[in-house]
Every structure is written in C-alpha cells, then in structure tokens.
C-alpha cells in the first residue's frame, strides 16, 4: 500500500480524534509524531512510546521535555492491504502507545487484545 506522508499524518490525526475522551484527557505533556521508519530502518515496529510512564514518575513538574508517541508510516503501509485495515492498525497502535504512557505493559495489552 502507498500513501504520502501528509495524507498518512492526517489519517493519524483522524484516528486520534476517534479515541474516547477518557483515554486522551489524561495525557499531559505528550506529543504525537509521525516518522517514516524506526532508526534501525526495520518495518517491524509500528509505534513507540518515548517517555516515562505515569506509574514510574516521582516528581514531575515544569521544564520537562514532552513524552513522545511515535507512529511509523512505512511499517504501517507495509502491513496494510487497504485503507480500512490501515486505519484499524493505526488506531490499535495509538491505543497501545497511550497505554504505555499510563504504565500498562505489553503483557497486559496482550491480555486485553491490544498488542
């Protein structure tokens, strides 16, 4: 599947808007970033939470750089056969990475069907 960077970024924004308010209202000092590929160039990683989960934070105040949730465009496109499948996978990736922000680990996500 092919899709240019601007169109994919808009798709990610659309999927963010579809997430339940209770999931995104608790996000603080987090930015969402779309990148083409992970640094290692692989197509295996769809997304990444880059930050310190809420459950691991001690003191958290002003001046910290924002946490990042990265969505990788090329791996998503490599795994999807059509736009509906792509939207589903982006949605799942966003939920998965937001869960990491809240301190939910991969094992719990597997049990809940989000990994």
PDB file of N, CA and C in Angstrom:
ATOM      1  N   UNK A   1       0.841  -1.174   0.000  1.00  0.00           N
ATOM      2  CA  UNK A   1       0.000   0.000   0.000  1.00  0.00           C
ATOM      3  C   UNK A   1       0.890   1.243   0.000  1.00  0.00           C
ATOM      4  N   UNK A   2       0.438   2.290  -0.687  1.00  0.00           N
ATOM      5  CA  UNK A   2       1.189   3.536  -0.728  1.00  0.00           C
ATOM      6  C   UNK A   2       0.326   4.687  -0.221  1.00  0.00           C
ATOM      7  N   UNK A   3       0.986   5.645   0.450  1.00  0.00           N
ATOM      8  CA  UNK A   3       0.311   6.844   0.917  1.00  0.00           C
ATOM      9  C   UNK A   3       1.385   7.852   1.263  1.00  0.00           C
ATOM     10  N   UNK A   4       1.234   9.084   0.793  1.00  0.00           N
ATOM     11  CA  UNK A   4       2.249  10.094   1.076  1.00  0.00           C
ATOM     12  C   UNK A   4       2.196  10.506   2.549  1.00  0.00           C
ATOM     13  N   UNK A   5       3.252  11.163   2.981  1.00  0.00           N
ATOM     14  CA  UNK A   5       3.416  11.497   4.399  1.00  0.00           C
ATOM     15  C   UNK A   5       2.291  12.385   4.916  1.00  0.00           C
ATOM     16  N   UNK A   6       1.886  13.388   4.139  1.00  0.00           N
ATOM     17  CA  UNK A   6       0.841  14.317   4.599  1.00  0.00           C
ATOM     18  C   UNK A   6      -0.499  13.609   4.769  1.00  0.00           C
ATOM     19  N   UNK A   7      -0.839  12.740   3.844  1.00  0.00           N
ATOM     20  CA  UNK A   7      -2.103  12.002   3.931  1.00  0.00           C
ATOM     21  C   UNK A   7      -2.083  11.052   5.117  1.00  0.00           C
ATOM     22  N   UNK A   8      -0.951  10.370   5.319  1.00  0.00           N
ATOM     23  CA  UNK A   8      -0.843   9.458   6.455  1.00  0.00           C
ATOM     24  C   UNK A   8      -0.952  10.228   7.775  1.00  0.00           C
ATOM     25  N   UNK A   9      -0.294  11.372   7.860  1.00  0.00           N
ATOM     26  CA  UNK A   9      -0.359  12.173   9.082  1.00  0.00           C
ATOM     27  C   UNK A   9      -1.803  12.596   9.366  1.00  0.00           C
ATOM     28  N   UNK A  10      -2.547  12.970   8.351  1.00  0.00           N
ATOM     29  CA  UNK A  10      -3.955  13.324   8.551  1.00  0.00           C
ATOM     30  C   UNK A  10      -4.764  12.124   9.020  1.00  0.00           C
ATOM     31  N   UNK A  11      -4.453  10.941   8.493  1.00  0.00           N
ATOM     32  CA  UNK A  11      -5.124   9.724   8.935  1.00  0.00           C
ATOM     33  C   UNK A  11      -4.862   9.485  10.421  1.00  0.00           C
ATOM     34  N   UNK A  12      -3.625   9.708  10.866  1.00  0.00           N
ATOM     35  CA  UNK A  12      -3.290   9.550  12.289  1.00  0.00           C
ATOM     36  C   UNK A  12      -4.086  10.554  13.126  1.00  0.00           C
ATOM     37  N   UNK A  13      -4.162  11.794  12.686  1.00  0.00           N
ATOM     38  CA  UNK A  13      -4.938  12.815  13.405  1.00  0.00           C
ATOM     39  C   UNK A  13      -6.408  12.398  13.485  1.00  0.00           C
ATOM     40  N   UNK A  14      -6.946  11.902  12.383  1.00  0.00           N
ATOM     41  CA  UNK A  14      -8.339  11.444  12.367  1.00  0.00           C
ATOM     42  C   UNK A  14      -8.561  10.321  13.374  1.00  0.00           C
ATOM     43  N   UNK A  15      -7.617   9.373  13.428  1.00  0.00           N
ATOM     44  CA  UNK A  15      -7.759   8.265  14.377  1.00  0.00           C
ATOM     45  C   UNK A  15      -7.598   8.741  15.820  1.00  0.00           C
ATOM     46  N   UNK A  16      -6.745   9.721  16.053  1.00  0.00           N
ATOM     47  CA  UNK A  16      -6.639  10.307  17.399  1.00  0.00           C
ATOM     48  C   UNK A  16      -7.969  10.924  17.811  1.00  0.00           C
ATOM     49  N   UNK A  17      -8.613  11.617  16.886  1.00  0.00           N
ATOM     50  CA  UNK A  17      -9.905  12.247  17.172  1.00  0.00           C
ATOM     51  C   UNK A  17     -10.988  11.224  17.476  1.00  0.00           C
ATOM     52  N   UNK A  18     -10.841  10.007  16.984  1.00  0.00           N
ATOM     53  CA  UNK A  18     -11.829   8.946  17.207  1.00  0.00           C
ATOM     54  C   UNK A  18     -11.664   8.247  18.552  1.00  0.00           C
ATOM     55  N   UNK A  19     -10.531   8.462  19.215  1.00  0.00           N
ATOM     56  CA  UNK A  19     -10.309   7.804  20.502  1.00  0.00           C
ATOM     57  C   UNK A  19     -11.249   8.379  21.556  1.00  0.00           C
ATOM     58  N   UNK A  20     -11.653   7.561  22.516  1.00  0.00           N
ATOM     59  CA  UNK A  20     -12.548   8.055  23.572  1.00  0.00           C
ATOM     60  C   UNK A  20     -11.897   9.175  24.384  1.00  0.00           C
ATOM     61  N   UNK A  21     -12.702  10.159  24.766  1.00  0.00           N
ATOM     62  CA  UNK A  21     -12.199  11.292  25.541  1.00  0.00           C
ATOM     63  C   UNK A  21     -11.489  10.847  26.808  1.00  0.00           C
ATOM     64  N   UNK A  22     -12.029   9.836  27.486  1.00  0.00           N
ATOM     65  CA  UNK A  22     -11.426   9.393  28.749  1.00  0.00           C
ATOM     66  C   UNK A  22     -10.033   8.810  28.545  1.00  0.00           C
ATOM     67  N   UNK A  23      -9.714   8.400  27.322  1.00  0.00           N
ATOM     68  CA  UNK A  23      -8.386   7.870  27.034  1.00  0.00           C
ATOM     69  C   UNK A  23      -7.376   8.995  26.822  1.00  0.00           C
ATOM     70  N   UNK A  24      -7.783  10.056  26.178  1.00  0.00           N
ATOM     71  CA  UNK A  24      -6.838  11.123  25.838  1.00  0.00           C
ATOM     72  C   UNK A  24      -6.860  12.293  26.815  1.00  0.00           C
ATOM     73  N   UNK A  25      -7.922  12.435  27.611  1.00  0.00           N
ATOM     74  CA  UNK A  25      -8.000  13.559  28.545  1.00  0.00           C
ATOM     75  C   UNK A  25      -6.894  13.515  29.587  1.00  0.00           C
ATOM     76  N   UNK A  26      -6.427  12.340  29.954  1.00  0.00           N
ATOM     77  CA  UNK A  26      -5.385  12.211  30.971  1.00  0.00           C
ATOM     78  C   UNK A  26      -3.973  12.426  30.454  1.00  0.00           C
ATOM     79  N   UNK A  27      -3.820  12.601  29.158  1.00  0.00           N
ATOM     80  CA  UNK A  27      -2.486  12.800  28.594  1.00  0.00           C
ATOM     81  C   UNK A  27      -2.001  14.211  28.916  1.00  0.00           C
ATOM     82  N   UNK A  28      -0.790  14.276  29.443  1.00  0.00           N
ATOM     83  CA  UNK A  28      -0.213  15.567  29.796  1.00  0.00           C
ATOM     84  C   UNK A  28       1.230  15.609  29.316  1.00  0.00           C
ATOM     85  N   UNK A  29       1.580  16.662  28.610  1.00  0.00           N
ATOM     86  CA  UNK A  29       2.943  16.870  28.133  1.00  0.00           C
ATOM     87  C   UNK A  29       3.392  15.725  27.209  1.00  0.00           C
ATOM     88  N   UNK A  30       2.518  15.385  26.259  1.00  0.00           N
ATOM     89  CA  UNK A  30       2.784  14.320  25.280  1.00  0.00           C
ATOM     90  C   UNK A  30       2.563  14.892  23.885  1.00  0.00           C
ATOM     91  N   UNK A  31       3.476  14.607  22.984  1.00  0.00           N
ATOM     92  CA  UNK A  31       3.294  14.986  21.584  1.00  0.00           C
ATOM     93  C   UNK A  31       3.218  13.713  20.748  1.00  0.00           C
ATOM     94  N   UNK A  32       2.445  13.793  19.687  1.00  0.00           N
ATOM     95  CA  UNK A  32       2.326  12.696  18.735  1.00  0.00           C
ATOM     96  C   UNK A  32       3.135  13.075  17.506  1.00  0.00           C
ATOM     97  N   UNK A  33       3.970  12.140  17.067  1.00  0.00           N
ATOM     98  CA  UNK A  33       4.893  12.382  15.962  1.00  0.00           C
ATOM     99  C   UNK A  33       4.732  11.256  14.949  1.00  0.00           C
ATOM    100  N   UNK A  34       4.740  11.626  13.672  1.00  0.00           N
ATOM    101  CA  UNK A  34       4.760  10.620  12.604  1.00  0.00           C
ATOM    102  C   UNK A  34       6.146  10.654  11.983  1.00  0.00           C
ATOM    103  N   UNK A  35       6.765   9.479  11.908  1.00  0.00           N
ATOM    104  CA  UNK A  35       8.068   9.334  11.246  1.00  0.00           C
ATOM    105  C   UNK A  35       7.952   8.222  10.218  1.00  0.00           C
ATOM    106  N   UNK A  36       8.836   8.247   9.231  1.00  0.00           N
ATOM    107  CA  UNK A  36       8.780   7.227   8.186  1.00  0.00           C
ATOM    108  C   UNK A  36       9.084   5.827   8.709  1.00  0.00           C
ATOM    109  N   UNK A  37      10.215   5.693   9.424  1.00  0.00           N
ATOM    110  CA  UNK A  37      10.664   4.380   9.931  1.00  0.00           C
ATOM    111  C   UNK A  37      11.378   4.558  11.254  1.00  0.00           C
ATOM    112  N   UNK A  38      11.483   3.461  12.013  1.00  0.00           N
ATOM    113  CA  UNK A  38      12.337   3.496  13.206  1.00  0.00           C
ATOM    114  C   UNK A  38      13.792   3.735  12.806  1.00  0.00           C
ATOM    115  N   UNK A  39      14.602   4.147  13.745  1.00  0.00           N
ATOM    116  CA  UNK A  39      16.016   4.437  13.471  1.00  0.00           C
ATOM    117  C   UNK A  39      16.751   3.262  12.860  1.00  0.00           C
ATOM    118  N   UNK A  40      16.372   2.029  13.228  1.00  0.00           N
ATOM    119  CA  UNK A  40      17.081   0.863  12.691  1.00  0.00           C
ATOM    120  C   UNK A  40      16.631   0.512  11.272  1.00  0.00           C
ATOM    121  N   UNK A  41      15.643   1.241  10.742  1.00  0.00           N
ATOM    122  CA  UNK A  41      15.198   1.029   9.374  1.00  0.00           C
ATOM    123  C   UNK A  41      14.251  -0.138   9.176  1.00  0.00           C
ATOM    124  N   UNK A  42      13.903  -0.825  10.241  1.00  0.00           N
ATOM    125  CA  UNK A  42      13.056  -2.006  10.113  1.00  0.00           C
ATOM    126  C   UNK A  42      11.611  -1.613   9.809  1.00  0.00           C
ATOM    127  N   UNK A  43      10.856  -2.598   9.371  1.00  0.00           N
ATOM    128  CA  UNK A  43       9.432  -2.410   9.144  1.00  0.00           C
ATOM    129  C   UNK A  43       8.601  -3.166  10.172  1.00  0.00           C
ATOM    130  N   UNK A  44       9.242  -3.618  11.252  1.00  0.00           N
ATOM    131  CA  UNK A  44       8.555  -4.420  12.254  1.00  0.00           C
ATOM    132  C   UNK A  44       7.866  -3.585  13.333  1.00  0.00           C
ATOM    133  N   UNK A  45       8.412  -2.434  13.649  1.00  0.00           N
ATOM    134  CA  UNK A  45       7.891  -1.609  14.738  1.00  0.00           C
ATOM    135  C   UNK A  45       6.904  -0.593  14.176  1.00  0.00           C
ATOM    136  N   UNK A  46       5.660  -0.629  14.674  1.00  0.00           N
ATOM    137  CA  UNK A  46       4.621   0.271  14.175  1.00  0.00           C
ATOM    138  C   UNK A  46       4.553   1.573  14.951  1.00  0.00           C
ATOM    139  N   UNK A  47       4.919   1.526  16.219  1.00  0.00           N
ATOM    140  CA  UNK A  47       4.859   2.720  17.049  1.00  0.00           C
ATOM    141  C   UNK A  47       5.776   2.587  18.243  1.00  0.00           C
ATOM    142  N   UNK A  48       5.974   3.712  18.932  1.00  0.00           N
ATOM    143  CA  UNK A  48       6.879   3.730  20.079  1.00  0.00           C
ATOM    144  C   UNK A  48       6.437   4.808  21.053  1.00  0.00           C
ATOM    145  N   UNK A  49       6.410   4.460  22.335  1.00  0.00           N
ATOM    146  CA  UNK A  49       6.228   5.456  23.384  1.00  0.00           C
ATOM    147  C   UNK A  49       7.609   5.799  23.908  1.00  0.00           C
ATOM    148  N   UNK A  50       7.978   7.052  23.809  1.00  0.00           N
ATOM    149  CA  UNK A  50       9.286   7.538  24.240  1.00  0.00           C
ATOM    150  C   UNK A  50       9.068   8.492  25.411  1.00  0.00           C
ATOM    151  N   UNK A  51       9.191   7.952  26.607  1.00  0.00           N
ATOM    152  CA  UNK A  51       8.974   8.768  27.788  1.00  0.00           C
ATOM    153  C   UNK A  51       8.969   7.918  29.037  1.00  0.00           C
ATOM    154  N   UNK A  52       8.541   8.523  30.123  1.00  0.00           N
ATOM    155  CA  UNK A  52       8.471   7.853  31.416  1.00  0.00           C
ATOM    156  C   UNK A  52       7.006   7.694  31.790  1.00  0.00           C
ATOM    157  N   UNK A  53       6.570   6.441  31.931  1.00  0.00           N
ATOM    158  CA  UNK A  53       5.168   6.165  32.229  1.00  0.00           C
ATOM    159  C   UNK A  53       4.734   6.845  33.523  1.00  0.00           C
ATOM    160  N   UNK A  54       3.462   7.179  33.599  1.00  0.00           N
ATOM    161  CA  UNK A  54       2.934   7.828  34.797  1.00  0.00           C
ATOM    162  C   UNK A  54       3.214   7.030  36.060  1.00  0.00           C
ATOM    163  N   UNK A  55       3.170   5.720  35.943  1.00  0.00           N
ATOM    164  CA  UNK A  55       3.370   4.858  37.101  1.00  0.00           C
ATOM    165  C   UNK A  55       4.820   4.841  37.586  1.00  0.00           C
ATOM    166  N   UNK A  56       5.748   5.370  36.767  1.00  0.00           N
ATOM    167  CA  UNK A  56       7.165   5.365  37.128  1.00  0.00           C
ATOM    168  C   UNK A  56       7.681   6.748  37.513  1.00  0.00           C
ATOM    169  N   UNK A  57       6.823   7.725  37.445  1.00  0.00           N
ATOM    170  CA  UNK A  57       7.257   9.089  37.729  1.00  0.00           C
ATOM    171  C   UNK A  57       7.223   9.367  39.215  1.00  0.00           C
ATOM    172  N   UNK A  58       8.260  10.045  39.656  1.00  0.00           N
ATOM    173  CA  UNK A  58       8.262  10.560  41.013  1.00  0.00           C
ATOM    174  C   UNK A  58       7.776  11.987  40.955  1.00  0.00           C
ATOM    175  N   UNK A  59       8.704  12.895  40.944  1.00  0.00           N
ATOM    176  CA  UNK A  59       8.372  14.308  40.815  1.00  0.00           C
ATOM    177  C   UNK A  59       8.316  14.655  39.340  1.00  0.00           C
ATOM    178  N   UNK A  60       7.250  15.293  38.945  1.00  0.00           N
ATOM    179  CA  UNK A  60       7.092  15.690  37.550  1.00  0.00           C
ATOM    180  C   UNK A  60       6.538  17.101  37.561  1.00  0.00           C
ATOM    181  N   UNK A  61       7.326  18.019  37.078  1.00  0.00           N
ATOM    182  CA  UNK A  61       6.893  19.406  37.118  1.00  0.00           C
ATOM    183  C   UNK A  61       7.170  20.098  35.818  1.00  0.00           C
ATOM    184  N   UNK A  62       7.414  21.368  35.926  1.00  0.00           N
ATOM    185  CA  UNK A  62       7.621  22.174  34.735  1.00  0.00           C
ATOM    186  C   UNK A  62       9.045  22.002  34.216  1.00  0.00           C
ATOM    187  N   UNK A  63       9.202  22.169  32.929  1.00  0.00           N
ATOM    188  CA  UNK A  63      10.525  22.154  32.340  1.00  0.00           C
ATOM    189  C   UNK A  63      10.923  20.853  31.680  1.00  0.00           C
ATOM    190  N   UNK A  64      10.159  19.782  31.886  1.00  0.00           N
ATOM    191  CA  UNK A  64      10.495  18.522  31.242  1.00  0.00           C
ATOM    192  C   UNK A  64      10.125  18.570  29.762  1.00  0.00           C
ATOM    193  N   UNK A  65      10.949  17.946  28.949  1.00  0.00           N
ATOM    194  CA  UNK A  65      10.585  17.790  27.551  1.00  0.00           C
ATOM    195  C   UNK A  65       9.356  16.896  27.477  1.00  0.00           C
ATOM    196  N   UNK A  66       8.518  17.087  26.484  1.00  0.00           N
ATOM    197  CA  UNK A  66       7.329  16.237  26.397  1.00  0.00           C
ATOM    198  C   UNK A  66       7.688  14.801  26.042  1.00  0.00           C
ATOM    199  N   UNK A  67       6.882  13.870  26.550  1.00  0.00           N
ATOM    200  CA  UNK A  67       6.962  12.492  26.099  1.00  0.00           C
ATOM    201  C   UNK A  67       6.517  12.486  24.640  1.00  0.00           C
ATOM    202  N   UNK A  68       6.917  11.435  23.921  1.00  0.00           N
ATOM    203  CA  UNK A  68       6.540  11.332  22.511  1.00  0.00           C
ATOM    204  C   UNK A  68       5.882   9.988  22.246  1.00  0.00           C
ATOM    205  N   UNK A  69       4.851  10.035  21.451  1.00  0.00           N
ATOM    206  CA  UNK A  69       4.270   8.825  20.889  1.00  0.00           C
ATOM    207  C   UNK A  69       4.525   8.918  19.398  1.00  0.00           C
ATOM    208  N   UNK A  70       5.317   7.965  18.905  1.00  0.00           N
ATOM    209  CA  UNK A  70       5.737   7.982  17.505  1.00  0.00           C
ATOM    210  C   UNK A  70       4.958   6.908  16.752  1.00  0.00           C
ATOM    211  N   UNK A  71       4.399   7.296  15.621  1.00  0.00           N
ATOM    212  CA  UNK A  71       3.716   6.370  14.728  1.00  0.00           C
ATOM    213  C   UNK A  71       4.546   6.309  13.444  1.00  0.00           C
ATOM    214  N   UNK A  72       4.937   5.099  13.066  1.00  0.00           N
ATOM    215  CA  UNK A  72       5.800   4.917  11.897  1.00  0.00           C
ATOM    216  C   UNK A  72       4.960   4.629  10.651  1.00  0.00           C
ATOM    217  N   UNK A  73       5.112   5.469   9.643  1.00  0.00           N
ATOM    218  CA  UNK A  73       4.316   5.393   8.421  1.00  0.00           C
ATOM    219  C   UNK A  73       4.634   4.161   7.574  1.00  0.00           C
ATOM    220  N   UNK A  74       5.889   3.959   7.212  1.00  0.00           N
ATOM    221  CA  UNK A  74       6.230   2.875   6.280  1.00  0.00           C
ATOM    222  C   UNK A  74       5.902   1.484   6.826  1.00  0.00           C
ATOM    223  N   UNK A  75       6.174   1.181   8.097  1.00  0.00           N
ATOM    224  CA  UNK A  75       5.756  -0.130   8.600  1.00  0.00           C
ATOM    225  C   UNK A  75       4.240  -0.329   8.552  1.00  0.00           C
ATOM    226  N   UNK A  76       3.479   0.718   8.857  1.00  0.00           N
ATOM    227  CA  UNK A  76       2.027   0.588   8.764  1.00  0.00           C
ATOM    228  C   UNK A  76       1.601   0.290   7.325  1.00  0.00           C
ATOM    229  N   UNK A  77       2.180   1.019   6.386  1.00  0.00           N
ATOM    230  CA  UNK A  77       1.814   0.805   4.989  1.00  0.00           C
ATOM    231  C   UNK A  77       2.222  -0.584   4.507  1.00  0.00           C
ATOM    232  N   UNK A  78       3.336  -1.098   5.014  1.00  0.00           N
ATOM    233  CA  UNK A  78       3.803  -2.429   4.626  1.00  0.00           C
ATOM    234  C   UNK A  78       2.895  -3.530   5.163  1.00  0.00           C
ATOM    235  N   UNK A  79       2.206  -3.263   6.276  1.00  0.00           N
ATOM    236  CA  UNK A  79       1.365  -4.285   6.891  1.00  0.00           C
ATOM    237  C   UNK A  79      -0.103  -4.209   6.459  1.00  0.00           C
ATOM    238  N   UNK A  80      -0.505  -3.126   5.843  1.00  0.00           N
ATOM    239  CA  UNK A  80      -1.911  -2.947   5.489  1.00  0.00           C
ATOM    240  C   UNK A  80      -2.140  -3.240   4.014  1.00  0.00           C
ATOM    241  N   UNK A  81      -3.308  -3.804   3.719  1.00  0.00           N
ATOM    242  CA  UNK A  81      -3.655  -4.075   2.329  1.00  0.00           C
ATOM    243  C   UNK A  81      -4.628  -3.044   1.762  1.00  0.00           C
ATOM    244  N   UNK A  82      -5.329  -2.324   2.650  1.00  0.00           N
ATOM    245  CA  UNK A  82      -6.241  -1.280   2.196  1.00  0.00           C
ATOM    246  C   UNK A  82      -6.381  -0.231   3.298  1.00  0.00           C
ATOM    247  N   UNK A  83      -7.104   0.848   2.996  1.00  0.00           N
ATOM    248  CA  UNK A  83      -7.195   1.946   3.952  1.00  0.00           C
ATOM    249  C   UNK A  83      -7.934   1.561   5.228  1.00  0.00           C
ATOM    250  N   UNK A  84      -8.938   0.726   5.126  1.00  0.00           N
ATOM    251  CA  UNK A  84      -9.671   0.300   6.318  1.00  0.00           C
ATOM    252  C   UNK A  84      -8.747  -0.458   7.277  1.00  0.00           C
ATOM    253  N   UNK A  85      -7.958  -1.362   6.736  1.00  0.00           N
ATOM    254  CA  UNK A  85      -7.008  -2.109   7.554  1.00  0.00           C
ATOM    255  C   UNK A  85      -5.950  -1.170   8.145  1.00  0.00           C
ATOM    256  N   UNK A  86      -5.506  -0.198   7.345  1.00  0.00           N
ATOM    257  CA  UNK A  86      -4.527   0.779   7.818  1.00  0.00           C
ATOM    258  C   UNK A  86      -5.089   1.586   8.979  1.00  0.00           C
ATOM    259  N   UNK A  87      -6.319   2.055   8.858  1.00  0.00           N
ATOM    260  CA  UNK A  87      -6.947   2.820   9.943  1.00  0.00           C
ATOM    261  C   UNK A  87      -7.053   1.984  11.212  1.00  0.00           C
ATOM    262  N   UNK A  88      -7.453   0.733  11.063  1.00  0.00           N
ATOM    263  CA  UNK A  88      -7.557  -0.154  12.227  1.00  0.00           C
ATOM    264  C   UNK A  88      -6.205  -0.317  12.908  1.00  0.00           C
ATOM    265  N   UNK A  89      -5.166  -0.506  12.110  1.00  0.00           N
ATOM    266  CA  UNK A  89      -3.835  -0.722  12.681  1.00  0.00           C
ATOM    267  C   UNK A  89      -3.301   0.547  13.340  1.00  0.00           C
ATOM    268  N   UNK A  90      -3.526   1.701  12.736  1.00  0.00           N
ATOM    269  CA  UNK A  90      -3.108   2.970  13.349  1.00  0.00           C
ATOM    270  C   UNK A  90      -3.858   3.169  14.661  1.00  0.00           C
ATOM    271  N   UNK A  91      -5.151   2.884  14.662  1.00  0.00           N
ATOM    272  CA  UNK A  91      -5.960   3.002  15.875  1.00  0.00           C
ATOM    273  C   UNK A  91      -5.394   2.115  16.988  1.00  0.00           C
ATOM    274  N   UNK A  92      -5.121   0.869  16.657  1.00  0.00           N
ATOM    275  CA  UNK A  92      -4.566  -0.070  17.635  1.00  0.00           C
ATOM    276  C   UNK A  92      -3.205   0.408  18.133  1.00  0.00           C
ATOM    277  N   UNK A  93      -2.367   0.925  17.244  1.00  0.00           N
ATOM    278  CA  UNK A  93      -1.049   1.428  17.626  1.00  0.00           C
ATOM    279  C   UNK A  93      -1.186   2.607  18.591  1.00  0.00           C
ATOM    280  N   UNK A  94      -2.093   3.514  18.303  1.00  0.00           N
ATOM    281  CA  UNK A  94      -2.287   4.669  19.190  1.00  0.00           C
ATOM    282  C   UNK A  94      -2.736   4.219  20.573  1.00  0.00           C
ATOM    283  N   UNK A  95      -3.707   3.313  20.629  1.00  0.00           N
ATOM    284  CA  UNK A  95      -4.178   2.800  21.924  1.00  0.00           C
ATOM    285  C   UNK A  95      -3.029   2.124  22.670  1.00  0.00           C
ATOM    286  N   UNK A  96      -2.254   1.322  21.954  1.00  0.00           N
ATOM    287  CA  UNK A  96      -1.128   0.590  22.541  1.00  0.00           C
ATOM    288  C   UNK A  96      -0.109   1.552  23.152  1.00  0.00           C
ATOM    289  N   UNK A  97       0.277   2.577  22.407  1.00  0.00           N
ATOM    290  CA  UNK A  97       1.305   3.507  22.902  1.00  0.00           C
ATOM    291  C   UNK A  97       0.766   4.411  24.005  1.00  0.00           C
ATOM    292  N   UNK A  98      -0.481   4.809  23.912  1.00  0.00           N
ATOM    293  CA  UNK A  98      -1.093   5.588  25.002  1.00  0.00           C
ATOM    294  C   UNK A  98      -1.148   4.746  26.269  1.00  0.00           C
ATOM    295  N   UNK A  99      -1.423   3.465  26.118  1.00  0.00           N
ATOM    296  CA  UNK A  99      -1.441   2.573  27.285  1.00  0.00           C
ATOM    297  C   UNK A  99      -0.074   2.547  27.961  1.00  0.00           C
ATOM    298  N   UNK A 100       0.997   2.550  27.181  1.00  0.00           N
ATOM    299  CA  UNK A 100       2.336   2.593  27.773  1.00  0.00           C
ATOM    300  C   UNK A 100       2.533   3.881  28.572  1.00  0.00           C
ATOM    301  N   UNK A 101       2.003   4.989  28.093  1.00  0.00           N
ATOM    302  CA  UNK A 101       2.070   6.254  28.835  1.00  0.00           C
ATOM    303  C   UNK A 101       1.447   6.080  30.222  1.00  0.00           C
ATOM    304  N   UNK A 102       0.329   5.364  30.280  1.00  0.00           N
ATOM    305  CA  UNK A 102      -0.365   5.147  31.551  1.00  0.00           C
ATOM    306  C   UNK A 102       0.229   4.002  32.363  1.00  0.00           C
ATOM    307  N   UNK A 103       1.309   3.385  31.865  1.00  0.00           N
ATOM    308  CA  UNK A 103       2.002   2.349  32.621  1.00  0.00           C
ATOM    309  C   UNK A 103       1.501   0.941  32.383  1.00  0.00           C
ATOM    310  N   UNK A 104       0.715   0.732  31.357  1.00  0.00           N
ATOM    311  CA  UNK A 104       0.226  -0.613  31.033  1.00  0.00           C
ATOM    312  C   UNK A 104       1.270  -1.294  30.166  1.00  0.00           C
ATOM    313  N   UNK A 105       1.732  -2.436  30.604  1.00  0.00           N
ATOM    314  CA  UNK A 105       2.810  -3.167  29.927  1.00  0.00           C
ATOM    315  C   UNK A 105       2.268  -4.060  28.814  1.00  0.00           C
ATOM    316  N   UNK A 106       3.181  -4.542  27.961  1.00  0.00           N
ATOM    317  CA  UNK A 106       2.800  -5.372  26.813  1.00  0.00           C
ATOM    318  C   UNK A 106       2.007  -6.611  27.219  1.00  0.00           C
ATOM    319  N   UNK A 107       2.394  -7.254  28.308  1.00  0.00           N
ATOM    320  CA  UNK A 107       1.687  -8.466  28.748  1.00  0.00           C
ATOM    321  C   UNK A 107       0.212  -8.160  29.021  1.00  0.00           C
ATOM    322  N   UNK A 108      -0.054  -7.059  29.718  1.00  0.00           N
ATOM    323  CA  UNK A 108      -1.434  -6.661  29.983  1.00  0.00           C
ATOM    324  C   UNK A 108      -2.165  -6.317  28.683  1.00  0.00           C
ATOM    325  N   UNK A 109      -1.456  -5.668  27.769  1.00  0.00           N
ATOM    326  CA  UNK A 109      -2.067  -5.316  26.487  1.00  0.00           C
ATOM    327  C   UNK A 109      -2.422  -6.564  25.684  1.00  0.00           C
ATOM    328  N   UNK A 110      -1.577  -7.589  25.751  1.00  0.00           N
ATOM    329  CA  UNK A 110      -1.890  -8.851  25.077  1.00  0.00           C
ATOM    330  C   UNK A 110      -3.150  -9.458  25.664  1.00  0.00           C
ATOM    331  N   UNK A 111      -3.271  -9.437  26.987  1.00  0.00           N
ATOM    332  CA  UNK A 111      -4.457 -10.000  27.649  1.00  0.00           C
ATOM    333  C   UNK A 111      -5.717  -9.243  27.249  1.00  0.00           C
ATOM    334  N   UNK A 112      -5.572  -7.930  27.010  1.00  0.00           N
ATOM    335  CA  UNK A 112      -6.721  -7.101  26.650  1.00  0.00           C
ATOM    336  C   UNK A 112      -6.979  -7.079  25.145  1.00  0.00           C
ATOM    337  N   UNK A 113      -6.087  -7.722  24.347  1.00  0.00           N
ATOM    338  CA  UNK A 113      -6.245  -7.783  22.913  1.00  0.00           C
ATOM    339  C   UNK A 113      -5.753  -6.569  22.153  1.00  0.00           C
ATOM    340  N   UNK A 114      -4.867  -5.768  22.762  1.00  0.00           N
ATOM    341  CA  UNK A 114      -4.357  -4.543  22.131  1.00  0.00           C
ATOM    342  C   UNK A 114      -2.884  -4.640  21.777  1.00  0.00           C
ATOM    343  N   UNK A 115      -2.336  -5.828  21.734  1.00  0.00           N
ATOM    344  CA  UNK A 115      -0.911  -5.958  21.392  1.00  0.00           C
ATOM    345  C   UNK A 115      -0.713  -7.075  20.394  1.00  0.00           C
TER     346      UNK A 115
END
